[in-house]
Amino acid sequence: MSKARIAVSRPLHPEQADAVEAFAELLDDSVERCDLPGLAGPNELLQVVVDAEYWERVLAALFLALGTAGVSFSHRIGAHLADEVWHKRAELTHALKSVPASALAKLVEILRQTRAKGNTISATIPHKINTVRNAGLVITAEAPGDIVAQLAVFAGKAKAIEAFLNQVVSGEGRFLSLSTNPDCSTRVEINADGKIVIPAMFHYDSQGHREHQHVRVLLK
């Protein structure tokens, strides 16, 4: 099985098939298209599904593609690189417009077109906390540079996201219940500073009553 997948709903749209080809070109690796199990809804969606460890390769591919487009960074890997990408969003948009035939520019444009047709687009990791629809970040950005930045931040923090979800599954997070995205994946968000947060509900007992409080877990 390919380490990277584009998971889509039926019926298959042409731009969804194009996304598989563009993502494979960006990674210089095989990318599998697979179907997501249908639910009552929504079912108009596309997910980039990558194991947490392999998201490092995605981040490296983004680094190389952006370097080819003329964007320079102080870091080459990891969360520090993702932070730099986040803070250069406006520059990225300009750079991608200068290389419209590049794999990254084509992928971003395909994602934009797919969203414009009403699809929910998300970057996800497979996880046993949500075996049907995975856990991930819904891509909400419009500008090309913002889309790349959202992908980069998720990629840079994928292992931390997985570690947190593992704590919840193991019982260490037994007082938490997690939120879901519109595509029914477990919700991951990015705040205004480009940091990953996971919305959750904290459950606790107070004077013999079960109480609930909304919390936002900031991943370091």
Protein backbone atom coordinates (compact mmCIF):
# COMPACT_ATOMS: atom_id res chain seq x y z
CA MET A 1 0.00 0.00 0.00
CA SER A 2 1.20 3.51 -0.78
CA LYS A 3 2.36 5.59 2.16
CA ALA A 4 0.33 8.52 0.89
CA ARG A 5 -3.29 8.42 -0.21
CA ILE A 6 -5.91 10.73 -1.57
CA ALA A 7 -9.18 9.53 -0.10
CA VAL A 8 -12.31 10.70 -1.86
CA SER A 9 -16.03 10.18 -1.83
CA ARG A 10 -18.09 8.84 -4.69
CA PRO A 11 -18.83 9.83 -7.38
CA LEU A 12 -15.25 10.61 -8.38
CA HIS A 13 -14.77 14.11 -9.78
CA PRO A 14 -12.05 14.85 -12.40
CA GLU A 15 -10.23 17.28 -10.09
CA GLN A 16 -10.00 14.59 -7.42
CA ALA A 17 -8.17 12.31 -9.84
CA ASP A 18 -5.94 15.25 -10.81
CA ALA A 19 -5.07 15.74 -7.13
CA VAL A 20 -3.63 12.23 -6.95
CA GLU A 21 -1.37 12.90 -9.94
CA ALA A 22 -0.19 16.29 -8.66
CA PHE A 23 0.49 14.98 -5.15
CA ALA A 24 2.50 12.07 -6.55
CA GLU A 25 4.52 14.49 -8.67
CA LEU A 26 5.20 16.70 -5.64
CA LEU A 27 6.36 13.76 -3.52
CA ASP A 28 8.13 11.92 -6.37
CA ASP A 29 6.45 8.82 -4.97
CA SER A 30 3.37 6.74 -5.62
CA VAL A 31 0.07 8.01 -4.27
CA GLU A 32 -2.98 5.80 -4.02
CA ARG A 33 -6.55 6.93 -4.58
CA CYS A 34 -8.98 5.26 -2.24
CA ASP A 35 -12.63 5.59 -1.31
CA LEU A 36 -13.86 6.86 2.03
CA PRO A 37 -16.74 4.93 3.58
CA GLY A 38 -19.95 6.82 2.96
CA LEU A 39 -21.90 8.26 5.85
CA ALA A 40 -25.26 9.95 5.99
CA GLY A 41 -23.29 13.07 5.07
CA PRO A 42 -21.45 15.10 4.17
CA ASN A 43 -19.86 12.96 1.48
CA GLU A 44 -18.44 15.59 -0.87
CA LEU A 45 -14.89 15.51 0.36
CA LEU A 46 -11.22 14.89 -0.33
CA GLN A 47 -8.66 13.91 2.28
CA VAL A 48 -4.88 13.81 2.02
CA VAL A 49 -4.22 10.76 4.21
CA VAL A 50 -0.61 10.29 5.32
CA ASP A 51 0.90 8.45 8.29
CA ALA A 52 2.34 10.83 10.88
CA GLU A 53 5.94 9.83 10.13
CA TYR A 54 5.49 10.21 6.37
CA TRP A 55 4.21 13.77 6.78
CA GLU A 56 7.90 14.65 7.32
CA ARG A 57 8.48 13.68 3.69
CA VAL A 58 5.58 15.90 2.64
CA LEU A 59 7.14 18.82 4.53
CA ALA A 60 10.50 18.11 2.87
CA ALA A 61 8.78 18.12 -0.54
CA LEU A 62 7.17 21.47 0.27
CA PHE A 63 10.61 22.84 1.25
CA LEU A 64 12.15 21.75 -2.05
CA ALA A 65 9.23 23.02 -4.13
CA LEU A 66 9.20 26.40 -2.42
CA GLY A 67 12.98 26.67 -2.78
CA THR A 68 12.60 26.10 -6.51
CA ALA A 69 10.04 28.91 -6.51
CA GLY A 70 12.63 31.23 -4.95
CA VAL A 71 11.59 31.13 -1.28
CA SER A 72 14.43 30.64 1.21
CA PHE A 73 14.23 29.27 4.77
CA SER A 74 16.60 29.09 7.74
CA HIS A 75 15.43 25.57 8.64
CA ARG A 76 15.13 22.51 6.44
CA ILE A 77 12.98 20.16 8.52
CA GLY A 78 10.51 19.90 11.34
CA ALA A 79 8.28 22.27 13.23
CA HIS A 80 10.72 25.19 12.90
CA LEU A 81 10.48 24.98 9.11
CA ALA A 82 6.68 24.81 9.38
CA ASP A 83 6.74 27.97 11.52
CA GLU A 84 8.78 29.76 8.89
CA VAL A 85 6.40 28.70 6.15
CA TRP A 86 3.49 30.03 8.21
CA HIS A 87 5.07 33.45 8.62
CA LYS A 88 5.89 33.70 4.89
CA ARG A 89 2.37 33.07 3.62
CA ALA A 90 2.12 36.23 1.52
CA GLU A 91 5.52 35.57 -0.06
CA LEU A 92 4.49 32.00 -0.88
CA THR A 93 1.42 33.17 -2.78
CA HIS A 94 3.54 35.46 -4.94
CA ALA A 95 6.18 32.75 -5.47
CA LEU A 96 3.66 30.11 -6.56
CA LYS A 97 2.15 32.47 -9.12
CA SER A 98 5.59 32.70 -10.72
CA VAL A 99 5.79 28.91 -11.25
CA PRO A 100 2.25 27.89 -12.27
CA ALA A 101 3.44 24.67 -13.94
CA SER A 102 5.14 23.34 -10.79
CA ALA A 103 3.68 20.31 -9.01
CA LEU A 104 2.98 22.32 -5.86
CA ALA A 105 1.24 25.15 -7.71
CA LYS A 106 -0.88 22.63 -9.62
CA LEU A 107 -1.80 20.75 -6.44
CA VAL A 108 -2.80 23.95 -4.65
CA GLU A 109 -4.94 25.07 -7.59
CA ILE A 110 -6.64 21.67 -7.74
CA LEU A 111 -7.42 21.88 -4.01
CA ARG A 112 -8.84 25.38 -4.51
CA GLN A 113 -11.03 24.23 -7.40
CA THR A 114 -12.22 21.20 -5.44
CA ARG A 115 -13.20 23.40 -2.49
CA ALA A 116 -15.01 25.79 -4.81
CA LYS A 117 -17.24 22.91 -5.89
CA GLY A 118 -18.39 22.32 -2.33
CA ASN A 119 -15.93 19.64 -1.23
CA THR A 120 -14.42 19.57 2.25
CA ILE A 121 -10.62 19.32 1.90
CA SER A 122 -8.54 18.08 4.81
CA ALA A 123 -5.03 16.96 5.73
CA THR A 124 -5.29 13.88 7.94
CA ILE A 125 -3.51 11.07 9.70
CA PRO A 126 -5.11 7.63 10.03
CA HIS A 127 -5.81 6.86 13.66
CA LYS A 128 -7.73 4.30 15.68
CA ILE A 129 -9.56 7.07 17.53
CA ASN A 130 -11.50 7.58 14.29
CA THR A 131 -11.00 4.59 12.01
CA VAL A 132 -13.62 5.69 9.47
CA ARG A 133 -12.72 9.32 8.75
CA ASN A 134 -9.23 9.77 10.31
CA ALA A 135 -8.05 12.83 12.28
CA GLY A 136 -7.09 16.07 10.64
CA LEU A 137 -7.15 19.69 9.67
CA VAL A 138 -9.78 21.09 7.30
CA ILE A 139 -8.11 23.35 4.74
CA THR A 140 -10.03 26.61 4.98
CA ALA A 141 -7.57 28.97 3.29
CA GLU A 142 -8.20 30.64 -0.05
CA ALA A 143 -4.82 32.14 -0.99
CA PRO A 144 -2.27 29.64 -2.38
CA GLY A 145 0.36 30.59 0.21
CA ASP A 146 -2.12 30.11 3.05
CA ILE A 147 -3.06 26.65 1.76
CA VAL A 148 0.60 25.62 1.65
CA ALA A 149 1.15 27.05 5.14
CA GLN A 150 -1.75 25.06 6.57
CA LEU A 151 -0.36 21.87 5.01
CA ALA A 152 3.13 22.65 6.31
CA VAL A 153 2.02 23.32 9.89
CA PHE A 154 0.01 20.10 9.96
CA ALA A 155 2.98 18.19 8.50
CA GLY A 156 5.38 19.69 11.04
CA LYS A 157 3.15 18.71 13.95
CA ALA A 158 1.78 15.39 12.69
CA LYS A 159 3.81 13.33 15.18
CA ALA A 160 2.75 15.55 18.09
CA ILE A 161 -0.89 15.21 16.99
CA GLU A 162 -0.52 11.44 16.85
CA ALA A 163 1.13 11.36 20.30
CA PHE A 164 -1.73 13.35 21.81
CA LEU A 165 -4.35 11.10 20.21
CA ASN A 166 -2.47 8.05 21.51
CA GLN A 167 -2.74 9.48 25.03
CA VAL A 168 -6.49 9.83 24.62
CA VAL A 169 -6.82 6.26 23.34
CA SER A 170 -4.59 4.82 26.08
CA GLY A 171 -6.71 6.37 28.80
CA GLU A 172 -4.36 9.16 29.81
CA GLY A 173 -6.86 11.52 28.23
CA ARG A 174 -9.87 9.70 29.68
CA PHE A 175 -11.39 13.00 30.81
CA LEU A 176 -11.47 14.35 27.25
CA SER A 177 -13.86 13.84 24.36
CA LEU A 178 -12.82 15.23 21.01
CA SER A 179 -14.65 17.32 18.42
CA THR A 180 -15.23 16.45 14.77
CA ASN A 181 -14.86 18.31 11.47
CA PRO A 182 -17.61 18.74 8.87
CA ASP A 183 -16.27 15.64 7.09
CA CYS A 184 -16.58 13.67 10.37
CA SER A 185 -12.82 13.44 10.92
CA THR A 186 -11.47 14.21 14.40
CA ARG A 187 -10.92 17.97 14.54
CA VAL A 188 -7.48 19.58 14.47
CA GLU A 189 -7.18 23.36 14.13
CA ILE A 190 -4.55 26.06 13.58
CA ASN A 191 -4.78 29.24 15.64
CA ALA A 192 -3.87 32.75 14.46
CA ASP A 193 -0.23 32.22 15.49
CA GLY A 194 0.13 29.12 13.35
CA LYS A 195 0.02 26.72 16.31
CA ILE A 196 -1.87 23.44 16.36
CA VAL A 197 -4.77 23.20 18.79
CA ILE A 198 -7.21 20.34 19.36
CA PRO A 199 -10.68 21.28 20.58
CA ALA A 200 -12.05 18.95 23.23
CA MET A 201 -14.56 18.61 26.02
CA PHE A 202 -13.14 18.20 29.54
CA HIS A 203 -15.32 16.12 31.86
CA TYR A 204 -15.05 16.36 35.63
CA ASP A 205 -17.07 15.80 38.80
CA SER A 206 -18.15 18.76 40.90
CA GLN A 207 -20.09 18.26 44.11
CA GLY A 208 -21.46 14.97 42.89
CA HIS A 209 -22.43 16.28 39.46
CA ARG A 210 -20.84 15.54 36.12
CA GLU A 211 -19.65 18.82 34.61
CA HIS A 212 -18.27 19.66 31.16
CA GLN A 213 -15.98 22.40 29.95
CA HIS A 214 -14.82 23.24 26.43
CA VAL A 215 -11.02 23.35 26.17
CA ARG A 216 -8.49 23.91 23.39
CA VAL A 217 -5.37 21.80 23.82
CA LEU A 218 -2.30 23.62 22.48
CA LEU A 219 0.35 21.24 21.13
CA LYS A 220 3.96 22.28 21.72
